[in-house]
Amino acid sequence: MELLLETVALYSLKLAYETEGHSPILRDDPLMGSCDREVFGLLVRRGDLAGIQGEIGRCLDLALGAVGGVDSVLGRELGRLSADFGAVRTTEGLRGPADMLKSFLHDVL
């Protein structure tokens, strides 16, 4: 689960900040901040659903801005997927929505 969450965060930040011709954003990039595997691992072990959703939500908000906001085609879909992720009520329920986000963001990249 931690790797999946880190991947969603990484893809979101890549979409928001990575520019062609510049160094790619990698998992150990300082830009990842509190969105690394160890932080997500701690949040998962604690069962801190709000913390997980908050960190991923922050990254998804940046990605949403990068695709033109909720009024764009990509933005509407990302907004829907983000809402599905935010509506989950247990940490066990995060996997499906996180997989959908990862696939969507990967395709957009």
C-alpha atoms as a PDB file:
ATOM      1  CA  MET A   1       0.000   0.000   0.000  1.00  0.00           C
ATOM      2  CA  GLU A   2       2.809   2.429   0.869  1.00  0.00           C
ATOM      3  CA  LEU A   3       4.406   2.064  -2.568  1.00  0.00           C
ATOM      4  CA  LEU A   4       1.048   2.597  -4.273  1.00  0.00           C
ATOM      5  CA  LEU A   5       0.413   5.796  -2.316  1.00  0.00           C
ATOM      6  CA  GLU A   6       3.928   7.047  -2.987  1.00  0.00           C
ATOM      7  CA  THR A   7       3.446   6.363  -6.700  1.00  0.00           C
ATOM      8  CA  VAL A   8       0.188   8.335  -6.805  1.00  0.00           C
ATOM      9  CA  ALA A   9       1.946  11.245  -5.088  1.00  0.00           C
ATOM     10  CA  LEU A  10       4.968  11.005  -7.408  1.00  0.00           C
ATOM     11  CA  TYR A  11       2.850  10.955 -10.577  1.00  0.00           C
ATOM     12  CA  SER A  12       0.815  13.920  -9.305  1.00  0.00           C
ATOM     13  CA  LEU A  13       3.924  15.961  -8.606  1.00  0.00           C
ATOM     14  CA  LYS A  14       5.470  14.973 -11.933  1.00  0.00           C
ATOM     15  CA  LEU A  15       2.358  16.227 -13.688  1.00  0.00           C
ATOM     16  CA  ALA A  16       2.382  19.473 -11.720  1.00  0.00           C
ATOM     17  CA  TYR A  17       6.090  20.320 -11.749  1.00  0.00           C
ATOM     18  CA  GLU A  18       8.090  18.311 -14.270  1.00  0.00           C
ATOM     19  CA  THR A  19       8.965  20.210 -17.419  1.00  0.00           C
ATOM     20  CA  GLU A  20      10.397  18.911 -20.633  1.00  0.00           C
ATOM     21  CA  GLY A  21      14.140  19.328 -20.924  1.00  0.00           C
ATOM     22  CA  HIS A  22      14.720  19.478 -17.172  1.00  0.00           C
ATOM     23  CA  SER A  23      15.710  16.783 -14.711  1.00  0.00           C
ATOM     24  CA  PRO A  24      12.879  14.399 -13.928  1.00  0.00           C
ATOM     25  CA  ILE A  25      11.308  14.310 -10.490  1.00  0.00           C
ATOM     26  CA  LEU A  26      12.376  11.134  -8.711  1.00  0.00           C
ATOM     27  CA  ARG A  27      11.224   9.463  -5.513  1.00  0.00           C
ATOM     28  CA  ASP A  28      14.138  10.939  -3.518  1.00  0.00           C
ATOM     29  CA  ASP A  29      13.492  14.475  -4.795  1.00  0.00           C
ATOM     30  CA  PRO A  30      13.043  17.038  -1.981  1.00  0.00           C
ATOM     31  CA  LEU A  31       9.816  18.046  -3.726  1.00  0.00           C
ATOM     32  CA  MET A  32       8.296  14.775  -2.529  1.00  0.00           C
ATOM     33  CA  GLY A  33       8.490  16.136   1.023  1.00  0.00           C
ATOM     34  CA  SER A  34       6.141  14.185   3.261  1.00  0.00           C
ATOM     35  CA  CYS A  35       4.902  12.009   0.397  1.00  0.00           C
ATOM     36  CA  ASP A  36       7.482   9.239   0.592  1.00  0.00           C
ATOM     37  CA  ARG A  37       7.041   5.552   1.276  1.00  0.00           C
ATOM     38  CA  GLU A  38       8.208   5.742   4.896  1.00  0.00           C
ATOM     39  CA  VAL A  39       5.731   8.484   5.773  1.00  0.00           C
ATOM     40  CA  PHE A  40       2.890   6.625   4.092  1.00  0.00           C
ATOM     41  CA  GLY A  41       3.993   3.426   5.839  1.00  0.00           C
ATOM     42  CA  LEU A  42       3.756   5.156   9.205  1.00  0.00           C
ATOM     43  CA  LEU A  43       0.335   6.603   8.365  1.00  0.00           C
ATOM     44  CA  VAL A  44      -0.927   3.195   7.202  1.00  0.00           C
ATOM     45  CA  ARG A  45       0.385   1.444  10.329  1.00  0.00           C
ATOM     46  CA  ARG A  46      -1.310   4.057  12.504  1.00  0.00           C
ATOM     47  CA  GLY A  47      -4.526   3.733  10.514  1.00  0.00           C
ATOM     48  CA  ASP A  48      -4.410   7.505   9.930  1.00  0.00           C
ATOM     49  CA  LEU A  49      -6.905   7.698   7.081  1.00  0.00           C
ATOM     50  CA  ALA A  50      -7.260  11.472   7.326  1.00  0.00           C
ATOM     51  CA  GLY A  51      -3.475  11.901   7.159  1.00  0.00           C
ATOM     52  CA  ILE A  52      -3.191   9.687   4.090  1.00  0.00           C
ATOM     53  CA  GLN A  53      -6.081  11.400   2.341  1.00  0.00           C
ATOM     54  CA  GLY A  54      -4.662  14.816   3.252  1.00  0.00           C
ATOM     55  CA  GLU A  55      -1.203  14.118   1.816  1.00  0.00           C
ATOM     56  CA  ILE A  56      -2.564  12.535  -1.367  1.00  0.00           C
ATOM     57  CA  GLY A  57      -5.199  15.271  -1.650  1.00  0.00           C
ATOM     58  CA  ARG A  58      -2.514  17.964  -1.553  1.00  0.00           C
ATOM     59  CA  CYS A  59      -0.674  16.269  -4.416  1.00  0.00           C
ATOM     60  CA  LEU A  60      -3.860  15.713  -6.411  1.00  0.00           C
ATOM     61  CA  ASP A  61      -4.812  19.375  -6.049  1.00  0.00           C
ATOM     62  CA  LEU A  62      -1.498  20.317  -7.690  1.00  0.00           C
ATOM     63  CA  ALA A  63      -2.090  17.810 -10.489  1.00  0.00           C
ATOM     64  CA  LEU A  64      -5.627  19.124 -10.968  1.00  0.00           C
ATOM     65  CA  GLY A  65      -4.250  22.623 -11.487  1.00  0.00           C
ATOM     66  CA  ALA A  66      -1.742  21.275 -14.003  1.00  0.00           C
ATOM     67  CA  VAL A  67      -4.476  19.725 -16.172  1.00  0.00           C
ATOM     68  CA  GLY A  68      -6.588  22.867 -16.275  1.00  0.00           C
ATOM     69  CA  GLY A  69      -8.810  22.498 -13.242  1.00  0.00           C
ATOM     70  CA  VAL A  70     -12.193  20.852 -12.896  1.00  0.00           C
ATOM     71  CA  ASP A  71     -13.524  22.534 -16.033  1.00  0.00           C
ATOM     72  CA  SER A  72     -11.204  20.560 -18.321  1.00  0.00           C
ATOM     73  CA  VAL A  73     -11.932  17.032 -19.508  1.00  0.00           C
ATOM     74  CA  LEU A  74      -8.925  15.598 -17.677  1.00  0.00           C
ATOM     75  CA  GLY A  75      -9.718  17.711 -14.644  1.00  0.00           C
ATOM     76  CA  ARG A  76     -13.270  16.422 -14.371  1.00  0.00           C
ATOM     77  CA  GLU A  77     -12.054  12.824 -14.416  1.00  0.00           C
ATOM     78  CA  LEU A  78      -9.238  13.537 -11.967  1.00  0.00           C
ATOM     79  CA  GLY A  79     -11.699  15.358  -9.729  1.00  0.00           C
ATOM     80  CA  ARG A  80     -14.055  12.378  -9.790  1.00  0.00           C
ATOM     81  CA  LEU A  81     -11.245   9.946  -8.967  1.00  0.00           C
ATOM     82  CA  SER A  82      -9.986  12.251  -6.234  1.00  0.00           C
ATOM     83  CA  ALA A  83     -13.480  12.456  -4.722  1.00  0.00           C
ATOM     84  CA  ASP A  84     -13.737   8.657  -4.769  1.00  0.00           C
ATOM     85  CA  PHE A  85     -10.403   8.454  -2.913  1.00  0.00           C
ATOM     86  CA  GLY A  86     -11.546  11.058  -0.396  1.00  0.00           C
ATOM     87  CA  ALA A  87     -14.838   9.236   0.235  1.00  0.00           C
ATOM     88  CA  VAL A  88     -13.149   6.048   1.467  1.00  0.00           C
ATOM     89  CA  ARG A  89     -13.831   5.403   5.154  1.00  0.00           C
ATOM     90  CA  THR A  90     -11.198   2.741   5.967  1.00  0.00           C
ATOM     91  CA  THR A  91      -7.512   2.384   5.146  1.00  0.00           C
ATOM     92  CA  GLU A  92      -8.285  -1.049   3.680  1.00  0.00           C
ATOM     93  CA  GLY A  93     -10.651   0.600   1.211  1.00  0.00           C
ATOM     94  CA  LEU A  94      -7.961   2.887  -0.240  1.00  0.00           C
ATOM     95  CA  ARG A  95      -6.402   0.329  -2.590  1.00  0.00           C
ATOM     96  CA  GLY A  96      -9.065   0.396  -5.329  1.00  0.00           C
ATOM     97  CA  PRO A  97      -9.348   4.192  -5.622  1.00  0.00           C
ATOM     98  CA  ALA A  98      -5.550   4.573  -5.342  1.00  0.00           C
ATOM     99  CA  ASP A  99      -5.055   2.051  -8.164  1.00  0.00           C
ATOM    100  CA  MET A 100      -7.497   3.999 -10.324  1.00  0.00           C
ATOM    101  CA  LEU A 101      -5.649   7.262  -9.598  1.00  0.00           C
ATOM    102  CA  LYS A 102      -2.278   5.687 -10.340  1.00  0.00           C
ATOM    103  CA  SER A 103      -3.487   4.335 -13.685  1.00  0.00           C
ATOM    104  CA  PHE A 104      -5.102   7.619 -14.677  1.00  0.00           C
ATOM    105  CA  LEU A 105      -2.069   9.730 -13.751  1.00  0.00           C
ATOM    106  CA  HIS A 106       0.291   7.312 -15.491  1.00  0.00           C
ATOM    107  CA  ASP A 107      -1.783   7.559 -18.676  1.00  0.00           C
ATOM    108  CA  VAL A 108      -1.831  11.360 -18.513  1.00  0.00           C
ATOM    109  CA  LEU A 109       1.940  11.549 -18.074  1.00  0.00           C
END
